[in-house]
N, C-alpha and C. Protein backbone atom coordinates (compact mmCIF):
# COMPACT_ATOMS: atom_id res chain seq x y z
N MET A 1 188.19 -174.93 -12.28
CA MET A 1 189.77 -174.48 -12.69
C MET A 1 189.95 -172.92 -13.20
N VAL A 2 188.84 -172.43 -13.96
CA VAL A 2 188.97 -170.99 -14.50
C VAL A 2 188.72 -169.95 -13.47
N ASP A 3 187.96 -170.16 -12.51
CA ASP A 3 188.38 -169.42 -11.08
C ASP A 3 189.54 -169.25 -10.39
N ALA A 4 190.14 -170.17 -10.30
CA ALA A 4 191.79 -170.57 -9.97
C ALA A 4 192.64 -169.57 -10.78
N ALA A 5 192.34 -169.74 -12.06
CA ALA A 5 193.20 -169.34 -12.74
C ALA A 5 193.16 -167.72 -12.72
N LEU A 6 191.75 -167.61 -12.99
CA LEU A 6 191.34 -165.51 -12.98
C LEU A 6 191.96 -165.42 -11.09
N ASN A 7 192.07 -166.32 -9.68
CA ASN A 7 192.67 -165.22 -8.67
C ASN A 7 193.88 -165.57 -8.90
N TYR A 8 194.69 -166.80 -9.38
CA TYR A 8 196.10 -166.35 -9.73
C TYR A 8 196.41 -164.89 -10.58
N ALA A 9 195.60 -164.83 -11.58
CA ALA A 9 196.23 -163.85 -12.86
C ALA A 9 195.90 -162.18 -11.35
N ARG A 10 194.86 -162.20 -10.87
CA ARG A 10 194.47 -160.72 -10.17
C ARG A 10 195.74 -160.84 -9.18
N ALA A 11 196.06 -162.15 -8.64
CA ALA A 11 197.12 -161.65 -7.84
C ALA A 11 199.04 -161.23 -8.47
N GLY A 12 198.52 -161.27 -9.74
CA GLY A 12 199.79 -160.68 -10.57
C GLY A 12 200.25 -161.96 -11.30
N LEU A 13 200.13 -163.34 -11.19
CA LEU A 13 201.05 -164.44 -11.93
C LEU A 13 200.36 -164.98 -13.09
N ARG A 14 201.10 -165.01 -13.84
CA ARG A 14 200.65 -165.62 -15.52
C ARG A 14 200.41 -166.97 -15.48
N VAL A 15 199.57 -167.27 -16.36
CA VAL A 15 199.03 -168.66 -16.35
C VAL A 15 198.61 -169.26 -17.40
N HIS A 16 198.61 -170.50 -17.47
CA HIS A 16 198.55 -171.44 -18.48
C HIS A 16 197.34 -172.91 -18.11
N PRO A 17 196.86 -172.82 -19.44
CA PRO A 17 195.93 -174.11 -19.60
C PRO A 17 196.91 -175.41 -19.59
N VAL A 18 196.77 -176.60 -18.77
CA VAL A 18 197.26 -177.46 -19.33
C VAL A 18 196.78 -178.93 -18.70
N ARG A 19 197.24 -179.84 -19.84
CA ARG A 19 196.64 -181.25 -19.87
C ARG A 19 196.91 -181.86 -18.51
N PRO A 20 196.54 -183.16 -18.06
CA PRO A 20 196.33 -183.71 -16.66
C PRO A 20 198.20 -183.89 -16.66
N ASP A 21 198.56 -184.10 -17.67
CA ASP A 21 200.00 -185.05 -17.73
C ASP A 21 201.29 -183.25 -17.59
N LYS A 22 200.41 -182.41 -17.56
CA LYS A 22 200.83 -181.09 -17.48
C LYS A 22 201.95 -180.42 -18.83
N ARG A 23 201.43 -181.01 -19.49
CA ARG A 23 201.90 -180.49 -21.06
C ARG A 23 200.88 -179.14 -21.34
N PRO A 24 201.46 -178.09 -21.47
CA PRO A 24 200.60 -176.73 -21.82
C PRO A 24 200.10 -176.82 -23.21
N TYR A 25 198.62 -176.36 -23.51
CA TYR A 25 197.91 -176.50 -23.95
C TYR A 25 198.65 -174.67 -25.32
N THR A 26 198.68 -174.26 -24.59
CA THR A 26 199.22 -172.99 -25.30
C THR A 26 200.87 -173.01 -25.06
N LYS A 27 201.53 -171.99 -25.72
CA LYS A 27 203.33 -171.74 -26.04
C LYS A 27 204.06 -171.56 -24.45
N TRP A 28 204.46 -172.30 -23.83
CA TRP A 28 204.86 -172.25 -22.50
C TRP A 28 205.86 -170.87 -22.29
N GLY A 29 205.12 -170.04 -21.49
CA GLY A 29 205.79 -169.00 -21.03
C GLY A 29 205.96 -167.48 -21.96
N THR A 30 205.83 -167.89 -23.24
CA THR A 30 205.07 -166.46 -23.76
C THR A 30 203.70 -166.32 -24.17
N GLU A 31 202.98 -167.05 -23.70
CA GLU A 31 201.46 -167.36 -24.23
C GLU A 31 200.98 -167.45 -22.55
N ALA A 32 201.73 -167.20 -21.68
CA ALA A 32 201.16 -167.28 -20.49
C ALA A 32 200.05 -165.54 -20.17
N THR A 33 199.58 -165.48 -19.42
CA THR A 33 198.90 -164.51 -19.10
C THR A 33 197.84 -164.25 -17.90
N THR A 34 197.45 -162.66 -17.58
CA THR A 34 197.22 -162.40 -16.44
C THR A 34 195.97 -161.82 -17.00
N ASP A 35 195.27 -161.56 -18.32
CA ASP A 35 194.45 -161.29 -19.22
C ASP A 35 192.76 -161.87 -18.48
N PRO A 36 192.27 -161.26 -18.07
CA PRO A 36 190.78 -162.04 -17.12
C PRO A 36 190.06 -162.71 -18.53
N SER A 37 190.09 -161.51 -19.74
CA SER A 37 189.30 -162.04 -20.80
C SER A 37 189.98 -163.57 -21.78
N LEU A 38 190.99 -163.14 -21.77
CA LEU A 38 192.28 -164.16 -22.57
C LEU A 38 191.88 -165.74 -21.86
N ILE A 39 191.90 -165.50 -20.42
CA ILE A 39 192.10 -166.70 -19.45
C ILE A 39 190.39 -167.26 -19.87
N THR A 40 189.63 -166.51 -19.95
CA THR A 40 188.02 -167.10 -19.71
C THR A 40 187.62 -167.77 -20.99
N MET A 41 188.48 -166.97 -22.39
CA MET A 41 188.32 -167.78 -23.37
C MET A 41 189.03 -169.08 -23.49
N LEU A 42 190.36 -169.13 -22.85
CA LEU A 42 191.08 -170.47 -23.19
C LEU A 42 190.04 -171.26 -22.29
N TRP A 43 189.92 -170.94 -21.09
CA TRP A 43 189.17 -172.25 -20.29
C TRP A 43 187.84 -172.83 -20.63
N LYS A 44 187.38 -171.94 -21.86
CA LYS A 44 186.04 -172.11 -22.59
C LYS A 44 186.59 -173.34 -23.46
N ARG A 45 187.41 -172.79 -24.16
CA ARG A 45 188.06 -173.86 -25.40
C ARG A 45 188.19 -175.11 -24.57
N TRP A 46 188.98 -175.07 -23.27
CA TRP A 46 189.63 -176.15 -22.80
C TRP A 46 189.11 -176.46 -21.18
N PRO A 47 187.93 -176.72 -21.45
CA PRO A 47 187.28 -176.45 -19.76
C PRO A 47 187.93 -177.66 -18.54
N ASP A 48 188.65 -178.37 -19.07
CA ASP A 48 188.96 -179.46 -18.38
C ASP A 48 190.40 -179.18 -17.81
N ALA A 49 190.69 -178.22 -18.01
CA ALA A 49 192.62 -177.82 -18.13
C ALA A 49 192.79 -177.29 -16.77
N LEU A 50 194.04 -178.13 -16.55
CA LEU A 50 194.56 -177.43 -15.20
C LEU A 50 195.35 -176.16 -15.09
N VAL A 51 195.65 -175.26 -14.14
CA VAL A 51 195.99 -174.53 -14.28
C VAL A 51 197.44 -174.45 -13.71
N ALA A 52 198.49 -173.76 -14.62
CA ALA A 52 200.31 -173.79 -14.04
C ALA A 52 200.28 -172.25 -14.28
N VAL A 53 201.31 -171.99 -13.37
CA VAL A 53 201.32 -170.69 -12.83
C VAL A 53 203.01 -170.87 -13.29
N CYS A 54 203.38 -169.62 -14.09
CA CYS A 54 204.69 -169.57 -14.77
C CYS A 54 205.39 -168.78 -13.33
N THR A 55 206.64 -169.36 -13.06
CA THR A 55 207.66 -168.75 -12.08
C THR A 55 208.52 -168.14 -12.63
N GLY A 56 209.49 -167.41 -12.32
CA GLY A 56 210.32 -166.29 -12.29
C GLY A 56 209.72 -165.10 -12.37
N SER A 57 210.60 -164.36 -12.46
CA SER A 57 210.18 -162.77 -12.35
C SER A 57 209.77 -162.42 -10.74
N GLY A 58 210.98 -162.80 -9.78
CA GLY A 58 210.56 -162.43 -8.53
C GLY A 58 209.93 -163.96 -7.81
N LEU A 59 209.41 -164.97 -8.49
CA LEU A 59 208.60 -166.08 -7.87
C LEU A 59 208.98 -167.57 -8.27
N VAL A 60 209.49 -168.10 -7.06
CA VAL A 60 210.52 -169.23 -6.65
C VAL A 60 209.81 -170.48 -6.73
N VAL A 61 209.21 -171.52 -6.92
CA VAL A 61 208.49 -172.29 -6.40
C VAL A 61 209.64 -173.64 -6.25
N VAL A 62 209.33 -174.33 -4.55
CA VAL A 62 210.23 -175.45 -3.98
C VAL A 62 209.03 -176.20 -4.35
N ASP A 63 209.58 -177.61 -5.37
CA ASP A 63 208.57 -178.71 -5.60
C ASP A 63 209.02 -179.62 -4.88
N ASP A 64 208.26 -180.09 -3.99
CA ASP A 64 208.48 -181.49 -3.17
C ASP A 64 207.69 -182.26 -3.07
N ASP A 65 208.32 -183.11 -3.75
CA ASP A 65 207.51 -184.28 -4.39
C ASP A 65 208.17 -185.79 -3.58
N ARG A 66 208.47 -185.65 -2.42
CA ARG A 66 208.91 -186.90 -1.70
C ARG A 66 207.76 -188.08 -0.81
N GLY A 67 206.48 -187.27 -0.92
CA GLY A 67 205.64 -187.90 -0.85
C GLY A 67 205.22 -188.04 1.08
N LEU A 68 205.62 -186.35 1.70
CA LEU A 68 205.29 -186.50 2.81
C LEU A 68 203.96 -186.48 3.10
N ALA A 69 203.80 -187.03 4.17
CA ALA A 69 202.17 -186.63 4.68
C ALA A 69 201.74 -185.41 5.02
N ALA A 70 202.70 -184.40 5.81
CA ALA A 70 202.43 -182.64 5.86
C ALA A 70 203.56 -182.44 5.35
N PRO A 71 203.74 -180.75 4.86
CA PRO A 71 204.95 -179.99 4.23
C PRO A 71 205.89 -180.45 5.40
N ASP A 72 207.01 -180.33 5.16
CA ASP A 72 208.46 -179.74 5.77
C ASP A 72 208.13 -178.69 6.44
N PRO A 73 208.46 -178.83 7.82
CA PRO A 73 208.22 -177.76 8.42
C PRO A 73 209.78 -176.53 7.99
N GLU A 74 210.83 -177.09 7.63
CA GLU A 74 211.80 -176.43 7.04
C GLU A 74 211.09 -175.47 5.69
N LEU A 75 210.54 -176.04 5.35
CA LEU A 75 209.83 -175.16 3.63
C LEU A 75 208.46 -174.17 3.95
N ALA A 76 207.85 -175.06 4.93
CA ALA A 76 206.22 -174.50 4.86
C ALA A 76 206.01 -173.08 6.22
N GLY A 77 206.98 -172.39 6.07
CA GLY A 77 207.17 -171.09 6.69
C GLY A 77 206.72 -169.95 5.57
N THR A 78 206.27 -170.74 4.57
CA THR A 78 205.53 -169.60 3.20
C THR A 78 204.30 -170.04 2.51
N LEU A 79 203.84 -169.66 1.55
CA LEU A 79 202.71 -170.28 0.92
C LEU A 79 203.04 -171.56 0.49
N THR A 80 202.20 -172.55 0.99
CA THR A 80 202.34 -173.85 0.79
C THR A 80 201.09 -174.50 0.22
N CYS A 81 201.02 -175.24 -0.66
CA CYS A 81 199.87 -175.80 -1.58
C CYS A 81 200.00 -177.56 -2.06
N ARG A 82 198.80 -178.28 -1.70
CA ARG A 82 199.72 -179.63 -1.77
C ARG A 82 199.45 -179.86 -3.50
N THR A 83 200.34 -180.65 -4.09
CA THR A 83 200.00 -180.57 -5.49
C THR A 83 199.20 -182.15 -5.63
N ARG A 84 198.63 -182.41 -6.95
CA ARG A 84 197.87 -183.69 -7.39
C ARG A 84 198.54 -184.87 -7.27
N SER A 85 200.20 -184.63 -7.01
CA SER A 85 200.88 -185.91 -7.22
C SER A 85 202.06 -186.12 -6.14
N ARG A 86 201.21 -186.07 -4.63
CA ARG A 86 201.47 -186.46 -3.66
C ARG A 86 202.59 -185.63 -2.84
N GLY A 87 202.80 -184.63 -3.41
CA GLY A 87 203.80 -183.74 -2.92
C GLY A 87 203.09 -182.57 -2.52
N PHE A 88 204.39 -181.06 -2.20
CA PHE A 88 203.91 -179.66 -1.92
C PHE A 88 204.70 -178.97 -2.90
N HIS A 89 204.07 -177.44 -2.86
CA HIS A 89 204.60 -176.49 -4.00
C HIS A 89 204.99 -175.33 -2.28
N HIS A 90 205.96 -175.41 -2.57
CA HIS A 90 206.22 -173.88 -1.34
C HIS A 90 206.92 -172.38 -2.47
N TRP A 91 205.95 -171.42 -2.14
CA TRP A 91 206.27 -170.30 -3.11
C TRP A 91 207.07 -169.30 -2.41
N PHE A 92 207.81 -168.78 -2.95
CA PHE A 92 208.71 -168.02 -2.69
C PHE A 92 208.83 -166.72 -3.26
N GLY A 93 208.96 -165.48 -2.37
CA GLY A 93 209.28 -164.53 -3.20
C GLY A 93 210.74 -164.00 -3.05
N THR A 94 211.61 -163.63 -4.26
CA THR A 94 212.89 -163.09 -4.13
C THR A 94 213.06 -162.08 -5.56
N THR A 95 214.02 -161.30 -4.78
CA THR A 95 214.91 -160.28 -5.98
C THR A 95 215.76 -160.90 -6.29
N GLU A 96 216.28 -162.05 -6.44
CA GLU A 96 217.17 -162.63 -7.09
C GLU A 96 216.78 -163.66 -8.25
N ARG A 97 217.82 -163.57 -9.48
CA ARG A 97 217.41 -164.15 -10.27
C ARG A 97 217.59 -165.44 -10.19
N VAL A 98 216.59 -166.81 -9.88
CA VAL A 98 216.96 -168.13 -9.96
C VAL A 98 216.59 -168.65 -10.91
N GLY A 99 217.52 -169.69 -11.40
CA GLY A 99 217.06 -170.90 -12.73
C GLY A 99 216.39 -171.93 -12.07
N ASN A 100 215.87 -172.83 -12.99
CA ASN A 100 215.39 -174.48 -12.86
C ASN A 100 216.61 -175.25 -11.95
N ALA A 101 216.20 -176.36 -11.34
CA ALA A 101 217.09 -177.26 -11.03
C ALA A 101 216.30 -178.35 -10.37
N VAL A 102 216.61 -179.33 -11.12
CA VAL A 102 215.99 -180.75 -10.98
C VAL A 102 216.62 -181.70 -9.84
N GLY A 103 216.38 -182.55 -8.95
CA GLY A 103 216.58 -183.07 -7.95
C GLY A 103 217.85 -182.59 -7.51
N ILE A 104 217.79 -181.72 -6.76
CA ILE A 104 218.71 -181.13 -5.88
C ILE A 104 218.97 -181.86 -4.63
N VAL A 105 217.91 -182.46 -4.41
CA VAL A 105 218.22 -183.31 -3.39
C VAL A 105 216.73 -184.15 -3.57
N ASP A 106 216.74 -185.80 -3.34
CA ASP A 106 216.07 -186.67 -3.99
C ASP A 106 214.67 -186.28 -3.61
N GLY A 107 213.62 -185.63 -4.80
CA GLY A 107 212.64 -185.55 -4.89
C GLY A 107 212.24 -183.97 -4.65
N ILE A 108 213.54 -183.36 -4.57
CA ILE A 108 212.85 -181.83 -4.54
C ILE A 108 213.50 -180.98 -6.15
N ASP A 109 212.50 -180.21 -6.66
CA ASP A 109 213.38 -179.76 -7.63
C ASP A 109 212.88 -177.86 -7.38
N ILE A 110 213.61 -177.13 -8.03
CA ILE A 110 213.31 -175.62 -8.10
C ILE A 110 213.29 -175.32 -9.37
N ARG A 111 211.66 -174.11 -9.44
CA ARG A 111 211.33 -173.68 -10.33
C ARG A 111 211.26 -172.28 -10.35
N GLY A 112 212.31 -171.49 -11.44
CA GLY A 112 212.66 -170.54 -11.28
C GLY A 112 212.34 -169.92 -12.49
N GLU A 113 213.41 -169.15 -12.93
CA GLU A 113 212.89 -168.16 -14.28
C GLU A 113 212.81 -169.06 -15.18
N ARG A 114 211.75 -169.12 -16.13
CA ARG A 114 211.37 -169.64 -17.46
C ARG A 114 210.66 -171.42 -16.87
N GLY A 115 210.53 -171.19 -15.36
CA GLY A 115 210.24 -172.46 -14.99
C GLY A 115 208.32 -172.52 -14.75
């Protein structure tokens, strides 16, 4: 997973090591980093950690946990990845400040600033 974390960091995205239940090993938001040496150190400390990317600052993720077999075509016109829990993350860039919202539609959450 350290390679994935480093790839996100190279793209300018701040990352955190997280447990399988998504709880961060580090302080959420303030300790997220793009620093390759720090990322390498964190994943040496927690080698089985998953990678979480901090949203906000121009990045919004639509978290679709409806259990669809394929991405929703209305959302899939952007970078889309499958999640570990039966869903998809649809990544969008924005110049607007977007917050977080849970359950805006059944099974759909929005992750923006501080998400």
